[in-house]
PDB file of N, CA and C in Angstrom:
ATOM      1  N   MET A   1       4.677   8.609  -2.024  1.00  0.00           N
ATOM      2  CA  MET A   1       3.653   9.079  -1.095  1.00  0.00           C
ATOM      3  C   MET A   1       2.441   8.182  -1.205  1.00  0.00           C
ATOM      4  N   ALA A   2       1.973   7.724  -0.118  1.00  0.00           N
ATOM      5  CA  ALA A   2       0.896   6.753  -0.069  1.00  0.00           C
ATOM      6  C   ALA A   2      -0.465   7.333  -0.448  1.00  0.00           C
ATOM      7  N   ILE A   3      -0.760   8.526   0.003  1.00  0.00           N
ATOM      8  CA  ILE A   3      -2.003   9.185  -0.392  1.00  0.00           C
ATOM      9  C   ILE A   3      -1.594  10.440  -1.150  1.00  0.00           C
ATOM     10  N   GLU A   4      -1.905  10.443  -2.427  1.00  0.00           N
ATOM     11  CA  GLU A   4      -1.541  11.582  -3.266  1.00  0.00           C
ATOM     12  C   GLU A   4      -2.591  12.672  -3.118  1.00  0.00           C
ATOM     13  N   LYS A   5      -2.113  13.896  -3.056  1.00  0.00           N
ATOM     14  CA  LYS A   5      -3.017  15.041  -2.941  1.00  0.00           C
ATOM     15  C   LYS A   5      -2.851  15.893  -4.191  1.00  0.00           C
ATOM     16  N   ARG A   6      -3.981  16.318  -4.756  1.00  0.00           N
ATOM     17  CA  ARG A   6      -3.944  17.225  -5.895  1.00  0.00           C
ATOM     18  C   ARG A   6      -5.136  18.170  -5.803  1.00  0.00           C
ATOM     19  N   TRP A   7      -5.074  19.196  -6.604  1.00  0.00           N
ATOM     20  CA  TRP A   7      -6.150  20.177  -6.635  1.00  0.00           C
ATOM     21  C   TRP A   7      -6.935  20.020  -7.928  1.00  0.00           C
ATOM     22  N   GLU A   8      -8.261  20.069  -7.804  1.00  0.00           N
ATOM     23  CA  GLU A   8      -9.131  20.013  -8.977  1.00  0.00           C
ATOM     24  C   GLU A   8     -10.286  20.979  -8.753  1.00  0.00           C
ATOM     25  N   ASP A   9     -10.430  21.937  -9.634  1.00  0.00           N
ATOM     26  CA  ASP A   9     -11.477  22.965  -9.517  1.00  0.00           C
ATOM     27  C   ASP A   9     -11.451  23.641  -8.152  1.00  0.00           C
ATOM     28  N   GLY A  10     -10.240  23.905  -7.645  1.00  0.00           N
ATOM     29  CA  GLY A  10     -10.098  24.602  -6.365  1.00  0.00           C
ATOM     30  C   GLY A  10     -10.320  23.740  -5.135  1.00  0.00           C
ATOM     31  N   GLU A  11     -10.530  22.455  -5.328  1.00  0.00           N
ATOM     32  CA  GLU A  11     -10.771  21.533  -4.213  1.00  0.00           C
ATOM     33  C   GLU A  11      -9.621  20.544  -4.084  1.00  0.00           C
ATOM     34  N   GLU A  12      -9.280  20.189  -2.852  1.00  0.00           N
ATOM     35  CA  GLU A  12      -8.276  19.159  -2.628  1.00  0.00           C
ATOM     36  C   GLU A  12      -8.894  17.792  -2.871  1.00  0.00           C
ATOM     37  N   ILE A  13      -8.148  16.924  -3.546  1.00  0.00           N
ATOM     38  CA  ILE A  13      -8.581  15.549  -3.771  1.00  0.00           C
ATOM     39  C   ILE A  13      -7.454  14.639  -3.282  1.00  0.00           C
ATOM     40  N   PHE A  14      -7.832  13.586  -2.581  1.00  0.00           N
ATOM     41  CA  PHE A  14      -6.870  12.645  -2.019  1.00  0.00           C
ATOM     42  C   PHE A  14      -7.100  11.271  -2.629  1.00  0.00           C
ATOM     43  N   THR A  15      -6.036  10.673  -3.143  1.00  0.00           N
ATOM     44  CA  THR A  15      -6.136   9.380  -3.802  1.00  0.00           C
ATOM     45  C   THR A  15      -5.146   8.397  -3.175  1.00  0.00           C
ATOM     46  N   PRO A  16      -5.649   7.328  -2.522  1.00  0.00           N
ATOM     47  CA  PRO A  16      -4.738   6.296  -2.023  1.00  0.00           C
ATOM     48  C   PRO A  16      -4.095   5.550  -3.188  1.00  0.00           C
ATOM     49  N   VAL A  17      -2.758   5.430  -3.154  1.00  0.00           N
ATOM     50  CA  VAL A  17      -2.005   4.760  -4.212  1.00  0.00           C
ATOM     51  C   VAL A  17      -1.065   3.752  -3.566  1.00  0.00           C
ATOM     52  N   CYS A  18      -1.067   2.517  -4.078  1.00  0.00           N
ATOM     53  CA  CYS A  18      -0.164   1.483  -3.575  1.00  0.00           C
ATOM     54  C   CYS A  18       1.269   1.871  -3.934  1.00  0.00           C
ATOM     55  N   ASP A  19       2.126   1.902  -2.939  1.00  0.00           N
ATOM     56  CA  ASP A  19       3.521   2.282  -3.172  1.00  0.00           C
ATOM     57  C   ASP A  19       4.326   1.180  -3.834  1.00  0.00           C
ATOM     58  N   THR A  20       3.762  -0.009  -3.967  1.00  0.00           N
ATOM     59  CA  THR A  20       4.471  -1.106  -4.616  1.00  0.00           C
ATOM     60  C   THR A  20       4.117  -1.208  -6.094  1.00  0.00           C
ATOM     61  N   CYS A  21       2.816  -1.276  -6.403  1.00  0.00           N
ATOM     62  CA  CYS A  21       2.403  -1.493  -7.796  1.00  0.00           C
ATOM     63  C   CYS A  21       1.776  -0.268  -8.464  1.00  0.00           C
ATOM     64  N   GLY A  22       1.413   0.757  -7.673  1.00  0.00           N
ATOM     65  CA  GLY A  22       0.822   1.956  -8.250  1.00  0.00           C
ATOM     66  C   GLY A  22      -0.683   1.903  -8.418  1.00  0.00           C
ATOM     67  N   ASP A  23      -1.317   0.791  -7.999  1.00  0.00           N
ATOM     68  CA  ASP A  23      -2.772   0.692  -8.081  1.00  0.00           C
ATOM     69  C   ASP A  23      -3.381   1.783  -7.198  1.00  0.00           C
ATOM     70  N   ALA A  24      -4.512   2.325  -7.617  1.00  0.00           N
ATOM     71  CA  ALA A  24      -5.135   3.424  -6.884  1.00  0.00           C
ATOM     72  C   ALA A  24      -6.587   3.114  -6.565  1.00  0.00           C
ATOM     73  N   LEU A  25      -7.045   3.666  -5.451  1.00  0.00           N
ATOM     74  CA  LEU A  25      -8.463   3.596  -5.090  1.00  0.00           C
ATOM     75  C   LEU A  25      -9.156   4.851  -5.617  1.00  0.00           C
ATOM     76  N   GLU A  26     -10.449   4.926  -5.389  1.00  0.00           N
ATOM     77  CA  GLU A  26     -11.232   6.082  -5.825  1.00  0.00           C
ATOM     78  C   GLU A  26     -10.754   7.351  -5.115  1.00  0.00           C
ATOM     79  N   ASP A  27     -10.921   8.474  -5.783  1.00  0.00           N
ATOM     80  CA  ASP A  27     -10.594   9.768  -5.182  1.00  0.00           C
ATOM     81  C   ASP A  27     -11.511  10.039  -3.997  1.00  0.00           C
ATOM     82  N   GLU A  28     -10.980  10.735  -3.007  1.00  0.00           N
ATOM     83  CA  GLU A  28     -11.753  11.161  -1.845  1.00  0.00           C
ATOM     84  C   GLU A  28     -11.557  12.661  -1.673  1.00  0.00           C
ATOM     85  N   TRP A  29     -12.547  13.335  -1.090  1.00  0.00           N
ATOM     86  CA  TRP A  29     -12.485  14.780  -0.903  1.00  0.00           C
ATOM     87  C   TRP A  29     -11.883  15.165   0.440  1.00  0.00           C
ATOM     88  N   ASP A  30     -11.603  14.160   1.264  1.00  0.00           N
ATOM     89  CA  ASP A  30     -11.082  14.417   2.607  1.00  0.00           C
ATOM     90  C   ASP A  30      -9.977  13.395   2.897  1.00  0.00           C
ATOM     91  N   PHE A  31      -8.875  13.840   3.510  1.00  0.00           N
ATOM     92  CA  PHE A  31      -7.762  12.949   3.812  1.00  0.00           C
ATOM     93  C   PHE A  31      -8.210  11.783   4.695  1.00  0.00           C
ATOM     94  N   ASP A  32      -8.999  12.069   5.723  1.00  0.00           N
ATOM     95  CA  ASP A  32      -9.465  11.008   6.626  1.00  0.00           C
ATOM     96  C   ASP A  32     -10.332   9.985   5.897  1.00  0.00           C
ATOM     97  N   ASP A  33     -11.110  10.440   4.915  1.00  0.00           N
ATOM     98  CA  ASP A  33     -11.909   9.510   4.115  1.00  0.00           C
ATOM     99  C   ASP A  33     -11.008   8.619   3.262  1.00  0.00           C
ATOM    100  N   ALA A  34      -9.908   9.175   2.763  1.00  0.00           N
ATOM    101  CA  ALA A  34      -8.956   8.385   1.971  1.00  0.00           C
ATOM    102  C   ALA A  34      -8.307   7.316   2.847  1.00  0.00           C
ATOM    103  N   VAL A  35      -7.966   7.669   4.082  1.00  0.00           N
ATOM    104  CA  VAL A  35      -7.388   6.704   5.022  1.00  0.00           C
ATOM    105  C   VAL A  35      -8.405   5.606   5.328  1.00  0.00           C
ATOM    106  N   ALA A  36      -9.652   5.991   5.573  1.00  0.00           N
ATOM    107  CA  ALA A  36     -10.708   5.009   5.862  1.00  0.00           C
ATOM    108  C   ALA A  36     -10.931   4.089   4.661  1.00  0.00           C
ATOM    109  N   ALA A  37     -10.881   4.631   3.451  1.00  0.00           N
ATOM    110  CA  ALA A  37     -11.099   3.835   2.238  1.00  0.00           C
ATOM    111  C   ALA A  37     -10.010   2.784   2.069  1.00  0.00           C
ATOM    112  N   LYS A  38      -8.763   3.169   2.296  1.00  0.00           N
ATOM    113  CA  LYS A  38      -7.678   2.190   2.120  1.00  0.00           C
ATOM    114  C   LYS A  38      -7.746   1.110   3.188  1.00  0.00           C
ATOM    115  N   LYS A  39      -8.117   1.472   4.415  1.00  0.00           N
ATOM    116  CA  LYS A  39      -8.266   0.457   5.466  1.00  0.00           C
ATOM    117  C   LYS A  39      -9.414  -0.495   5.138  1.00  0.00           C
ATOM    118  N   ALA A  40     -10.530   0.062   4.658  1.00  0.00           N
ATOM    119  CA  ALA A  40     -11.687  -0.766   4.305  1.00  0.00           C
ATOM    120  C   ALA A  40     -11.372  -1.712   3.152  1.00  0.00           C
ATOM    121  N   ALA A  41     -10.448  -1.305   2.280  1.00  0.00           N
ATOM    122  CA  ALA A  41     -10.072  -2.128   1.130  1.00  0.00           C
ATOM    123  C   ALA A  41      -8.989  -3.151   1.480  1.00  0.00           C
ATOM    124  N   GLY A  42      -8.553  -3.167   2.744  1.00  0.00           N
ATOM    125  CA  GLY A  42      -7.573  -4.159   3.180  1.00  0.00           C
ATOM    126  C   GLY A  42      -6.125  -3.748   2.971  1.00  0.00           C
ATOM    127  N   TRP A  43      -5.897  -2.477   2.691  1.00  0.00           N
ATOM    128  CA  TRP A  43      -4.524  -2.005   2.524  1.00  0.00           C
ATOM    129  C   TRP A  43      -3.845  -1.924   3.878  1.00  0.00           C
ATOM    130  N   ARG A  44      -2.530  -2.044   3.896  1.00  0.00           N
ATOM    131  CA  ARG A  44      -1.736  -1.946   5.122  1.00  0.00           C
ATOM    132  C   ARG A  44      -0.740  -0.806   4.978  1.00  0.00           C
ATOM    133  N   SER A  45      -0.511  -0.111   6.069  1.00  0.00           N
ATOM    134  CA  SER A  45       0.484   0.957   6.102  1.00  0.00           C
ATOM    135  C   SER A  45       1.684   0.480   6.898  1.00  0.00           C
ATOM    136  N   ARG A  46       2.845   0.936   6.473  1.00  0.00           N
ATOM    137  CA  ARG A  46       4.087   0.534   7.118  1.00  0.00           C
ATOM    138  C   ARG A  46       5.054   1.717   7.040  1.00  0.00           C
ATOM    139  N   LYS A  47       5.809   1.927   8.107  1.00  0.00           N
ATOM    140  CA  LYS A  47       6.797   2.999   8.109  1.00  0.00           C
ATOM    141  C   LYS A  47       8.166   2.405   7.814  1.00  0.00           C
ATOM    142  N   ILE A  48       8.795   2.875   6.749  1.00  0.00           N
ATOM    143  CA  ILE A  48      10.111   2.401   6.339  1.00  0.00           C
ATOM    144  C   ILE A  48      11.008   3.620   6.162  1.00  0.00           C
ATOM    145  N   ASP A  49      12.126   3.611   6.879  1.00  0.00           N
ATOM    146  CA  ASP A  49      13.086   4.723   6.818  1.00  0.00           C
ATOM    147  C   ASP A  49      12.408   6.070   7.039  1.00  0.00           C
ATOM    148  N   GLY A  50      11.474   6.108   7.993  1.00  0.00           N
ATOM    149  CA  GLY A  50      10.811   7.361   8.348  1.00  0.00           C
ATOM    150  C   GLY A  50       9.677   7.783   7.444  1.00  0.00           C
ATOM    151  N   GLU A  51       9.372   6.992   6.419  1.00  0.00           N
ATOM    152  CA  GLU A  51       8.289   7.322   5.493  1.00  0.00           C
ATOM    153  C   GLU A  51       7.201   6.272   5.540  1.00  0.00           C
ATOM    154  N   TRP A  52       5.948   6.733   5.524  1.00  0.00           N
ATOM    155  CA  TRP A  52       4.824   5.810   5.474  1.00  0.00           C
ATOM    156  C   TRP A  52       4.617   5.326   4.052  1.00  0.00           C
ATOM    157  N   ILE A  53       4.418   4.031   3.900  1.00  0.00           N
ATOM    158  CA  ILE A  53       4.056   3.467   2.603  1.00  0.00           C
ATOM    159  C   ILE A  53       2.773   2.669   2.775  1.00  0.00           C
ATOM    160  N   ASP A  54       2.009   2.567   1.721  1.00  0.00           N
ATOM    161  CA  ASP A  54       0.769   1.790   1.716  1.00  0.00           C
ATOM    162  C   ASP A  54       0.896   0.666   0.718  1.00  0.00           C
ATOM    163  N   ILE A  55       0.387  -0.500   1.110  1.00  0.00           N
ATOM    164  CA  ILE A  55       0.490  -1.683   0.266  1.00  0.00           C
ATOM    165  C   ILE A  55      -0.893  -2.303   0.102  1.00  0.00           C
ATOM    166  N   CYS A  56      -1.307  -2.493  -1.153  1.00  0.00           N
ATOM    167  CA  CYS A  56      -2.620  -3.077  -1.457  1.00  0.00           C
ATOM    168  C   CYS A  56      -2.617  -4.572  -1.118  1.00  0.00           C
ATOM    169  N   PRO A  57      -3.795  -5.187  -1.012  1.00  0.00           N
ATOM    170  CA  PRO A  57      -3.864  -6.615  -0.676  1.00  0.00           C
ATOM    171  C   PRO A  57      -3.112  -7.515  -1.660  1.00  0.00           C
ATOM    172  N   TYR A  58      -3.154  -7.201  -2.960  1.00  0.00           N
ATOM    173  CA  TYR A  58      -2.445  -8.015  -3.943  1.00  0.00           C
ATOM    174  C   TYR A  58      -0.946  -8.025  -3.645  1.00  0.00           C
ATOM    175  N   CYS A  59      -0.382  -6.857  -3.406  1.00  0.00           N
ATOM    176  CA  CYS A  59       1.056  -6.769  -3.132  1.00  0.00           C
ATOM    177  C   CYS A  59       1.409  -7.386  -1.780  1.00  0.00           C
ATOM    178  N   GLN A  60       0.486  -7.330  -0.829  1.00  0.00           N
ATOM    179  CA  GLN A  60       0.713  -7.983   0.462  1.00  0.00           C
ATOM    180  C   GLN A  60       0.860  -9.488   0.267  1.00  0.00           C
ATOM    181  N   GLU A  61      -0.016 -10.068  -0.530  1.00  0.00           N
ATOM    182  CA  GLU A  61       0.055 -11.510  -0.805  1.00  0.00           C
ATOM    183  C   GLU A  61       1.329 -11.850  -1.570  1.00  0.00           C
ATOM    184  N   LYS A  62       1.673 -11.000  -2.512  1.00  0.00           N
ATOM    185  CA  LYS A  62       2.893 -11.215  -3.290  1.00  0.00           C
ATOM    186  C   LYS A  62       4.116 -11.186  -2.372  1.00  0.00           C
ATOM    187  N   GLU A  63       4.153 -10.242  -1.428  1.00  0.00           N
ATOM    188  CA  GLU A  63       5.253 -10.167  -0.458  1.00  0.00           C
ATOM    189  C   GLU A  63       5.330 -11.434   0.385  1.00  0.00           C
ATOM    190  N   LYS A  64       4.154 -11.901   0.847  1.00  0.00           N
ATOM    191  CA  LYS A  64       4.116 -13.130   1.665  1.00  0.00           C
ATOM    192  C   LYS A  64       4.677 -14.307   0.882  1.00  0.00           C
ATOM    193  N   HIS A  65       4.263 -14.419  -0.371  1.00  0.00           N
ATOM    194  CA  HIS A  65       4.719 -15.514  -1.227  1.00  0.00           C
ATOM    195  C   HIS A  65       6.229 -15.434  -1.436  1.00  0.00           C
ATOM    196  N   GLU A  66       6.720 -14.237  -1.738  1.00  0.00           N
ATOM    197  CA  GLU A  66       8.157 -14.063  -1.962  1.00  0.00           C
ATOM    198  C   GLU A  66       8.946 -14.371  -0.690  1.00  0.00           C
ATOM    199  N   GLN A  67       8.425 -13.958   0.468  1.00  0.00           N
ATOM    200  CA  GLN A  67       9.102 -14.236   1.724  1.00  0.00           C
ATOM    201  C   GLN A  67       9.129 -15.735   2.002  1.00  0.00           C
ATOM    202  N   ALA A  68       8.022 -16.413   1.730  1.00  0.00           N
ATOM    203  CA  ALA A  68       7.966 -17.865   1.928  1.00  0.00           C
ATOM    204  C   ALA A  68       8.968 -18.570   1.016  1.00  0.00           C
ATOM    205  N   MET A  69       9.067 -18.114  -0.223  1.00  0.00           N
ATOM    206  CA  MET A  69      10.025 -18.713  -1.153  1.00  0.00           C
ATOM    207  C   MET A  69      11.463 -18.480  -0.678  1.00  0.00           C
ATOM    208  N   ASN A  70      11.734 -17.289  -0.173  1.00  0.00           N
ATOM    209  CA  ASN A  70      13.073 -16.992   0.350  1.00  0.00           C
ATOM    210  C   ASN A  70      13.377 -17.837   1.580  1.00  0.00           C
ATOM    211  N   ASP A  71      12.380 -17.996   2.453  1.00  0.00           N
ATOM    212  CA  ASP A  71      12.564 -18.826   3.641  1.00  0.00           C
ATOM    213  C   ASP A  71      12.844 -20.271   3.241  1.00  0.00           C
ATOM    214  N   PHE A  72      12.089 -20.776   2.270  1.00  0.00           N
ATOM    215  CA  PHE A  72      12.262 -22.142   1.811  1.00  0.00           C
ATOM    216  C   PHE A  72      13.637 -22.321   1.167  1.00  0.00           C
ATOM    217  N   ALA A  73      14.051 -21.340   0.377  1.00  0.00           N
ATOM    218  CA  ALA A  73      15.359 -21.411  -0.279  1.00  0.00           C
ATOM    219  C   ALA A  73      16.482 -21.435   0.756  1.00  0.00           C
ATOM    220  N   GLY A  74      16.272 -20.744   1.874  1.00  0.00           N
ATOM    221  CA  GLY A  74      17.267 -20.727   2.938  1.00  0.00           C
ATOM    222  C   GLY A  74      17.391 -22.050   3.652  1.00  0.00           C
ATOM    223  N   LEU A  75      16.369 -22.883   3.557  1.00  0.00           N
ATOM    224  CA  LEU A  75      16.389 -24.198   4.204  1.00  0.00           C
ATOM    225  C   LEU A  75      17.009 -25.271   3.321  1.00  0.00           C
ATOM    226  N   LYS A  76      17.162 -24.960   2.042  1.00  0.00           N
ATOM    227  CA  LYS A  76      17.694 -25.926   1.081  1.00  0.00           C
ATOM    228  C   LYS A  76      19.025 -26.497   1.583  1.00  0.00           C
ATOM    229  N   GLY A  77      19.187 -27.790   1.528  1.00  0.00           N
ATOM    230  CA  GLY A  77      20.437 -28.436   1.909  1.00  0.00           C
ATOM    231  C   GLY A  77      20.576 -28.680   3.397  1.00  0.00           C
ATOM    232  N   ARG A  78      19.601 -28.246   4.201  1.00  0.00           N
ATOM    233  CA  ARG A  78      19.674 -28.437   5.652  1.00  0.00           C
ATOM    234  C   ARG A  78      19.132 -29.802   6.076  1.00  0.00           C
ATOM    235  N   PHE A  79      18.441 -30.466   5.192  1.00  0.00           N
ATOM    236  CA  PHE A  79      17.823 -31.742   5.568  1.00  0.00           C
ATOM    237  C   PHE A  79      18.402 -32.874   4.765  1.00  0.00           C
TER     238      PHE A  79
END
């Protein structure tokens, strides 16, 4: 789950958590504030197999790098 919800002292707290590495942003008292916080921090949301996942900027860069390496490996021997 991309935004974790828990109860503390009778109040709902929402915490954006990266679904790839588990890094978390600050707690928010409102779901919409948690969504705004992750967008402001450069996180991206993606729907995979019907579920929303959130990815922090570090993991986004890591994915790009891994994809580039895979693309390059696929070109090996073509030239």
